[in-house]
């Protein structure tokens, strides 16, 4: 019997790193790269740190190697949405994070100082990736909205637990910090 490998996926700035930190606090063995966590030093300053708990990403050269992520079987890894449907066959539990596209756009601009060229097809692109993942027999996918996790973390992690994620729900929920959600659609004016 194969061991489940746990994946957090989603578009940039959709709460994937928050989810990784929470699931790690809840008992899963998270894989991360110090190299990718250096992005806080590159893009952050005294007033703004893009991901204070780290990015939890693996270098592209590792993600794009044949057989990825067999070397991380049984662990928790973050795989960005553009790669998740293409990873090697194993047994996966996937939580796919979604977020309002305008919140993503403004968060990305604040974090990296550049503009995402076009977010008009965000929902369409994410829907296509989720459909591909749902068509794989080796993936069980749960979709969560970033804001739902921020607003009701206990419910979100209970849902994962009900889907067989071996987590300590209160420990996961306790790691969610709503004050780090700095771009809320109801408070945005630029670009709306």
Protein backbone atom coordinates (compact mmCIF):
# COMPACT_ATOMS: atom_id res chain seq x y z
CA UNK A 1 0.00 0.00 0.00
CA UNK A 2 1.34 3.42 -0.97
CA UNK A 3 1.67 6.22 1.54
CA UNK A 4 -0.19 9.44 0.83
CA UNK A 5 1.87 12.45 -0.11
CA UNK A 6 0.25 15.73 0.89
CA UNK A 7 0.23 18.67 -1.50
CA UNK A 8 -0.74 22.30 -1.14
CA UNK A 9 -1.33 23.94 -4.51
CA UNK A 10 -2.77 27.13 -5.92
CA UNK A 11 -1.84 30.32 -7.74
CA UNK A 12 0.79 32.66 -6.31
CA UNK A 13 -0.46 34.75 -3.36
CA UNK A 14 -3.50 32.51 -2.80
CA UNK A 15 -2.57 31.42 0.73
CA UNK A 16 -0.47 28.38 -0.13
CA UNK A 17 2.37 29.28 2.24
CA UNK A 18 -0.08 30.02 5.06
CA UNK A 19 -1.65 26.61 4.46
CA UNK A 20 1.77 24.92 4.48
CA UNK A 21 2.71 26.56 7.80
CA UNK A 22 -0.63 25.57 9.35
CA UNK A 23 -0.43 21.94 8.18
CA UNK A 24 3.15 21.71 9.41
CA UNK A 25 1.98 23.01 12.82
CA UNK A 26 -0.72 20.33 12.69
CA UNK A 27 1.82 17.53 12.43
CA UNK A 28 2.71 17.00 8.78
CA UNK A 29 6.37 16.81 7.77
CA UNK A 30 6.81 19.80 5.43
CA UNK A 31 9.56 20.00 2.83
CA UNK A 32 10.94 23.45 2.11
CA UNK A 33 13.96 25.16 0.61
CA UNK A 34 16.12 27.77 2.32
CA UNK A 35 16.99 28.99 -1.17
CA UNK A 36 13.35 29.90 -1.92
CA UNK A 37 12.82 31.36 1.56
CA UNK A 38 15.51 33.93 0.69
CA UNK A 39 12.85 35.67 -1.40
CA UNK A 40 11.77 37.46 1.78
CA UNK A 41 15.17 39.17 1.88
CA UNK A 42 15.13 39.93 -1.84
CA UNK A 43 11.59 41.34 -2.00
CA UNK A 44 10.91 42.42 1.59
CA UNK A 45 11.86 45.55 3.46
CA UNK A 46 11.39 47.03 6.93
CA UNK A 47 7.70 47.73 6.20
CA UNK A 48 6.65 44.63 4.25
CA UNK A 49 7.70 41.00 4.28
CA UNK A 50 5.90 38.95 1.59
CA UNK A 51 5.86 35.64 3.51
CA UNK A 52 7.16 36.01 7.04
CA UNK A 53 6.87 32.27 7.75
CA UNK A 54 8.66 31.36 4.53
CA UNK A 55 7.59 30.47 1.02
CA UNK A 56 7.72 26.69 1.45
CA UNK A 57 8.61 26.33 -2.21
CA UNK A 58 11.10 24.01 -3.79
CA UNK A 59 13.47 25.21 -6.52
CA UNK A 60 12.11 24.86 -10.06
CA UNK A 61 14.96 22.56 -11.05
CA UNK A 62 13.75 20.04 -8.44
CA UNK A 63 10.06 20.33 -9.30
CA UNK A 64 10.84 19.84 -13.00
CA UNK A 65 12.97 16.71 -12.61
CA UNK A 66 11.53 13.43 -13.88
CA UNK A 67 9.87 11.44 -11.10
CA UNK A 68 9.21 14.45 -8.86
CA UNK A 69 8.07 14.22 -6.04
CA UNK A 70 8.87 10.55 -5.38
CA UNK A 71 11.77 11.61 -3.16
CA UNK A 72 9.23 13.28 -0.83
CA UNK A 73 6.70 10.45 -0.53
CA UNK A 74 4.64 10.71 2.64
CA UNK A 75 5.59 14.34 3.24
CA UNK A 76 3.89 17.71 2.77
CA UNK A 77 5.02 19.71 -0.26
CA UNK A 78 3.92 22.82 -2.07
CA UNK A 79 3.47 22.49 -5.83
CA UNK A 80 2.31 25.57 -7.70
CA UNK A 81 -0.85 25.23 -9.78
CA UNK A 82 0.94 25.13 -13.14
CA UNK A 83 2.82 21.94 -12.17
CA UNK A 84 0.48 19.98 -9.90
CA UNK A 85 -1.42 18.07 -12.60
CA UNK A 86 1.88 16.97 -14.18
CA UNK A 87 3.66 15.36 -11.23
CA UNK A 88 4.63 11.68 -11.20
CA UNK A 89 1.96 9.10 -10.32
CA UNK A 90 1.83 8.29 -6.59
CA UNK A 91 -0.94 8.60 -4.02
CA UNK A 92 -1.85 12.21 -3.21
CA UNK A 93 -4.11 14.26 -1.03
CA UNK A 94 -4.23 17.79 -2.47
CA UNK A 95 -5.61 20.97 -0.96
CA UNK A 96 -6.07 23.54 -3.71
CA UNK A 97 -6.20 27.14 -2.54
CA UNK A 98 -8.30 29.74 -4.33
CA UNK A 99 -8.48 33.49 -3.84
CA UNK A 100 -10.17 36.49 -5.42
CA UNK A 101 -8.13 37.47 -8.50
CA UNK A 102 -7.95 41.17 -7.59
CA UNK A 103 -6.67 40.32 -4.12
CA UNK A 104 -4.02 38.13 -5.75
CA UNK A 105 -3.04 40.82 -8.25
CA UNK A 106 -2.58 43.51 -5.63
CA UNK A 107 -0.81 41.18 -3.19
CA UNK A 108 1.58 40.08 -5.94
CA UNK A 109 2.34 43.68 -6.90
CA UNK A 110 3.03 44.61 -3.27
CA UNK A 111 5.19 41.53 -2.69
CA UNK A 112 7.29 41.57 -5.84
CA UNK A 113 7.04 45.10 -7.23
CA UNK A 114 5.83 43.87 -10.62
CA UNK A 115 2.42 43.50 -12.17
CA UNK A 116 0.80 40.23 -13.18
CA UNK A 117 0.00 40.94 -16.82
CA UNK A 118 -3.51 39.49 -16.99
CA UNK A 119 -5.72 38.02 -14.29
CA UNK A 120 -8.85 37.95 -16.48
CA UNK A 121 -8.50 34.21 -17.12
CA UNK A 122 -7.47 33.27 -13.58
CA UNK A 123 -10.65 31.35 -12.71
CA UNK A 124 -10.67 29.60 -16.08
CA UNK A 125 -7.02 28.53 -15.74
CA UNK A 126 -7.48 27.31 -12.16
CA UNK A 127 -10.68 25.45 -13.08
CA UNK A 128 -8.80 23.64 -15.86
CA UNK A 129 -5.98 22.56 -13.52
CA UNK A 130 -8.39 21.38 -10.83
CA UNK A 131 -10.33 19.39 -13.45
CA UNK A 132 -7.09 17.69 -14.58
CA UNK A 133 -6.25 16.83 -10.97
CA UNK A 134 -9.75 15.50 -10.31
CA UNK A 135 -9.40 13.25 -13.36
CA UNK A 136 -6.33 11.56 -11.90
CA UNK A 137 -7.08 8.39 -9.97
CA UNK A 138 -4.12 9.02 -7.65
CA UNK A 139 -5.32 12.45 -6.42
CA UNK A 140 -8.01 13.40 -3.95
CA UNK A 141 -8.56 17.15 -4.19
CA UNK A 142 -10.17 19.47 -1.66
CA UNK A 143 -10.63 23.10 -2.72
CA UNK A 144 -10.55 25.87 -0.12
CA UNK A 145 -11.04 29.60 -0.46
CA UNK A 146 -8.26 31.58 1.21
CA UNK A 147 -10.72 33.94 2.88
CA UNK A 148 -12.77 31.01 4.24
CA UNK A 149 -9.63 29.65 5.88
CA UNK A 150 -8.84 33.09 7.33
CA UNK A 151 -12.42 33.61 8.57
CA UNK A 152 -13.14 30.08 9.86
CA UNK A 153 -9.89 28.11 10.17
CA UNK A 154 -11.31 25.40 12.44
CA UNK A 155 -13.95 24.55 9.80
CA UNK A 156 -11.41 24.49 6.98
CA UNK A 157 -9.02 22.15 8.76
CA UNK A 158 -11.87 19.98 10.01
CA UNK A 159 -12.83 19.48 6.36
CA UNK A 160 -9.31 18.29 5.57
CA UNK A 161 -9.33 16.00 8.60
CA UNK A 162 -12.64 14.52 7.40
CA UNK A 163 -10.93 13.80 4.06
CA UNK A 164 -8.23 11.77 5.78
CA UNK A 165 -5.54 14.37 6.42
CA UNK A 166 -3.75 13.22 9.62
CA UNK A 167 -3.65 16.63 11.29
CA UNK A 168 -4.25 18.20 14.67
CA UNK A 169 -7.11 20.53 13.68
CA UNK A 170 -6.76 23.04 16.59
CA UNK A 171 -2.98 23.27 16.04
CA UNK A 172 -3.52 24.01 12.33
CA UNK A 173 -6.24 26.57 13.03
CA UNK A 174 -4.09 28.25 15.67
CA UNK A 175 -1.41 28.99 13.10
CA UNK A 176 -3.75 31.07 10.90
CA UNK A 177 -3.25 34.80 11.45
CA UNK A 178 -5.94 36.90 9.78
CA UNK A 179 -3.93 40.10 10.25
CA UNK A 180 -1.57 38.84 7.54
CA UNK A 181 -4.42 39.02 5.00
CA UNK A 182 -3.52 42.53 3.88
CA UNK A 183 -5.47 42.63 0.62
CA UNK A 184 -9.21 42.18 1.13
CA UNK A 185 -11.50 42.85 -1.83
CA UNK A 186 -13.95 44.82 0.29
CA UNK A 187 -11.16 47.22 1.31
CA UNK A 188 -9.52 47.61 -2.11
CA UNK A 189 -10.07 50.55 -4.42
CA UNK A 190 -7.13 50.46 -6.83
CA UNK A 191 -7.82 48.42 -9.96
CA UNK A 192 -11.42 47.59 -9.11
